[in-house]
């Protein structure tokens, strides 16, 4: 679980930076590109988690 939290902590600043133009986390309005970025980050976290658990 600690490794998963580390992965999330590493990727969260990147997500915040990507959404800075939208008011960071203050405004929740999404574009298709935002969804793709979040999906890619989620996939990367999932794959990383599987590799770390081995």
N, C-alpha and C. Protein backbone atom coordinates (compact mmCIF):
# COMPACT_ATOMS: atom_id res chain seq x y z
N UNK A 1 0.84 -1.20 0.00
CA UNK A 1 0.00 0.00 0.00
C UNK A 1 0.87 1.25 0.00
N UNK A 2 1.99 1.18 0.71
CA UNK A 2 2.90 2.32 0.79
C UNK A 2 3.45 2.67 -0.60
N UNK A 3 3.74 1.64 -1.40
CA UNK A 3 4.26 1.87 -2.75
C UNK A 3 3.21 2.55 -3.63
N UNK A 4 1.95 2.15 -3.48
CA UNK A 4 0.87 2.76 -4.26
C UNK A 4 0.76 4.25 -3.91
N UNK A 5 0.83 4.56 -2.62
CA UNK A 5 0.76 5.97 -2.19
C UNK A 5 1.94 6.76 -2.74
N UNK A 6 3.11 6.13 -2.81
CA UNK A 6 4.29 6.79 -3.38
C UNK A 6 4.06 7.09 -4.86
N UNK A 7 3.51 6.14 -5.60
CA UNK A 7 3.21 6.36 -7.02
C UNK A 7 2.24 7.51 -7.21
N UNK A 8 1.19 7.54 -6.39
CA UNK A 8 0.20 8.61 -6.47
C UNK A 8 0.84 9.95 -6.14
N UNK A 9 1.69 9.98 -5.11
CA UNK A 9 2.36 11.22 -4.70
C UNK A 9 3.28 11.74 -5.80
N UNK A 10 3.90 10.83 -6.54
CA UNK A 10 4.80 11.24 -7.63
C UNK A 10 4.01 11.81 -8.81
N UNK A 11 2.87 11.21 -9.13
CA UNK A 11 2.13 11.63 -10.32
C UNK A 11 1.17 12.79 -10.08
N UNK A 12 0.74 13.02 -8.84
CA UNK A 12 -0.23 14.07 -8.55
C UNK A 12 0.24 15.47 -8.97
N UNK A 13 1.49 15.87 -8.68
CA UNK A 13 1.91 17.21 -9.12
C UNK A 13 1.82 17.40 -10.64
N UNK A 14 2.07 16.34 -11.40
CA UNK A 14 1.95 16.41 -12.85
C UNK A 14 0.51 16.66 -13.28
N UNK A 15 -0.43 16.02 -12.61
CA UNK A 15 -1.85 16.21 -12.91
C UNK A 15 -2.26 17.64 -12.56
N UNK A 16 -1.78 18.12 -11.41
CA UNK A 16 -2.11 19.48 -10.98
C UNK A 16 -1.57 20.50 -11.97
N UNK A 17 -0.36 20.29 -12.47
CA UNK A 17 0.25 21.20 -13.44
C UNK A 17 -0.56 21.20 -14.74
N UNK A 18 -0.98 20.02 -15.18
CA UNK A 18 -1.73 19.90 -16.43
C UNK A 18 -3.06 20.65 -16.34
N UNK A 19 -3.61 20.78 -15.13
CA UNK A 19 -4.90 21.42 -14.96
C UNK A 19 -4.81 22.85 -14.46
N UNK A 20 -3.58 23.38 -14.37
CA UNK A 20 -3.40 24.72 -13.84
C UNK A 20 -4.18 25.77 -14.62
N UNK A 21 -4.26 25.60 -15.93
CA UNK A 21 -4.99 26.54 -16.77
C UNK A 21 -6.48 26.57 -16.48
N UNK A 22 -6.98 25.52 -15.86
CA UNK A 22 -8.41 25.44 -15.53
C UNK A 22 -8.67 25.84 -14.09
N UNK A 23 -7.67 26.46 -13.44
CA UNK A 23 -7.84 26.83 -12.04
C UNK A 23 -7.46 25.68 -11.12
N UNK A 24 -6.47 24.90 -11.52
CA UNK A 24 -6.00 23.74 -10.75
C UNK A 24 -7.19 22.86 -10.38
N UNK A 25 -7.37 22.58 -9.10
CA UNK A 25 -8.48 21.70 -8.71
C UNK A 25 -9.69 22.50 -8.27
N UNK A 26 -9.66 23.80 -8.47
CA UNK A 26 -10.78 24.65 -8.07
C UNK A 26 -11.99 24.51 -8.97
N UNK A 27 -11.77 24.26 -10.26
CA UNK A 27 -12.88 24.15 -11.22
C UNK A 27 -12.81 22.79 -11.88
N UNK A 28 -13.90 22.07 -11.82
CA UNK A 28 -13.96 20.76 -12.45
C UNK A 28 -14.69 20.85 -13.77
N UNK A 29 -13.97 21.21 -14.82
CA UNK A 29 -14.55 21.03 -16.15
C UNK A 29 -13.50 20.37 -17.01
N UNK A 30 -13.90 19.32 -17.67
CA UNK A 30 -12.95 18.46 -18.36
C UNK A 30 -13.08 18.56 -19.87
N UNK A 31 -11.95 18.42 -20.52
CA UNK A 31 -11.90 18.33 -21.97
C UNK A 31 -11.49 16.90 -22.31
N UNK A 32 -11.62 16.54 -23.54
CA UNK A 32 -11.24 15.19 -23.97
C UNK A 32 -9.78 14.92 -23.65
N UNK A 33 -8.92 15.92 -23.85
CA UNK A 33 -7.49 15.74 -23.58
C UNK A 33 -7.25 15.49 -22.09
N UNK A 34 -8.02 16.17 -21.22
CA UNK A 34 -7.89 15.96 -19.78
C UNK A 34 -8.23 14.51 -19.43
N UNK A 35 -9.29 14.01 -20.04
CA UNK A 35 -9.70 12.63 -19.77
C UNK A 35 -8.62 11.65 -20.23
N UNK A 36 -8.03 11.92 -21.40
CA UNK A 36 -6.98 11.04 -21.91
C UNK A 36 -5.76 11.06 -21.00
N UNK A 37 -5.40 12.25 -20.51
CA UNK A 37 -4.26 12.36 -19.59
C UNK A 37 -4.53 11.56 -18.32
N UNK A 38 -5.74 11.74 -17.77
CA UNK A 38 -6.08 11.03 -16.54
C UNK A 38 -6.11 9.52 -16.76
N UNK A 39 -6.62 9.09 -17.92
CA UNK A 39 -6.67 7.66 -18.25
C UNK A 39 -5.25 7.11 -18.37
N UNK A 40 -4.36 7.87 -19.02
CA UNK A 40 -2.97 7.43 -19.18
C UNK A 40 -2.27 7.34 -17.83
N UNK A 41 -2.50 8.33 -16.97
CA UNK A 41 -1.89 8.32 -15.63
C UNK A 41 -2.43 7.14 -14.82
N UNK A 42 -3.74 6.92 -14.91
CA UNK A 42 -4.34 5.79 -14.19
C UNK A 42 -3.78 4.46 -14.67
N UNK A 43 -3.61 4.33 -15.97
CA UNK A 43 -3.06 3.11 -16.54
C UNK A 43 -1.61 2.92 -16.09
N UNK A 44 -0.84 4.01 -16.10
CA UNK A 44 0.56 3.94 -15.67
C UNK A 44 0.66 3.53 -14.20
N UNK A 45 -0.22 4.09 -13.36
CA UNK A 45 -0.22 3.73 -11.94
C UNK A 45 -0.59 2.26 -11.78
N UNK A 46 -1.60 1.82 -12.53
CA UNK A 46 -2.02 0.42 -12.45
C UNK A 46 -0.91 -0.54 -12.86
N UNK A 47 -0.25 -0.24 -13.97
CA UNK A 47 0.84 -1.10 -14.45
C UNK A 47 2.01 -1.07 -13.48
N UNK A 48 2.33 0.13 -12.98
CA UNK A 48 3.42 0.27 -12.01
C UNK A 48 3.13 -0.52 -10.75
N UNK A 49 1.89 -0.47 -10.30
CA UNK A 49 1.48 -1.20 -9.09
C UNK A 49 1.64 -2.70 -9.30
N UNK A 50 1.24 -3.20 -10.48
CA UNK A 50 1.37 -4.63 -10.76
C UNK A 50 2.84 -5.04 -10.76
N UNK A 51 3.70 -4.20 -11.37
CA UNK A 51 5.12 -4.52 -11.42
C UNK A 51 5.76 -4.48 -10.04
N UNK A 52 5.34 -3.53 -9.21
CA UNK A 52 5.92 -3.41 -7.87
C UNK A 52 5.48 -4.56 -6.95
N UNK A 53 4.30 -5.11 -7.20
CA UNK A 53 3.80 -6.20 -6.35
C UNK A 53 4.48 -7.53 -6.66
N UNK A 54 5.15 -7.63 -7.81
CA UNK A 54 5.81 -8.89 -8.18
C UNK A 54 7.01 -9.15 -7.29
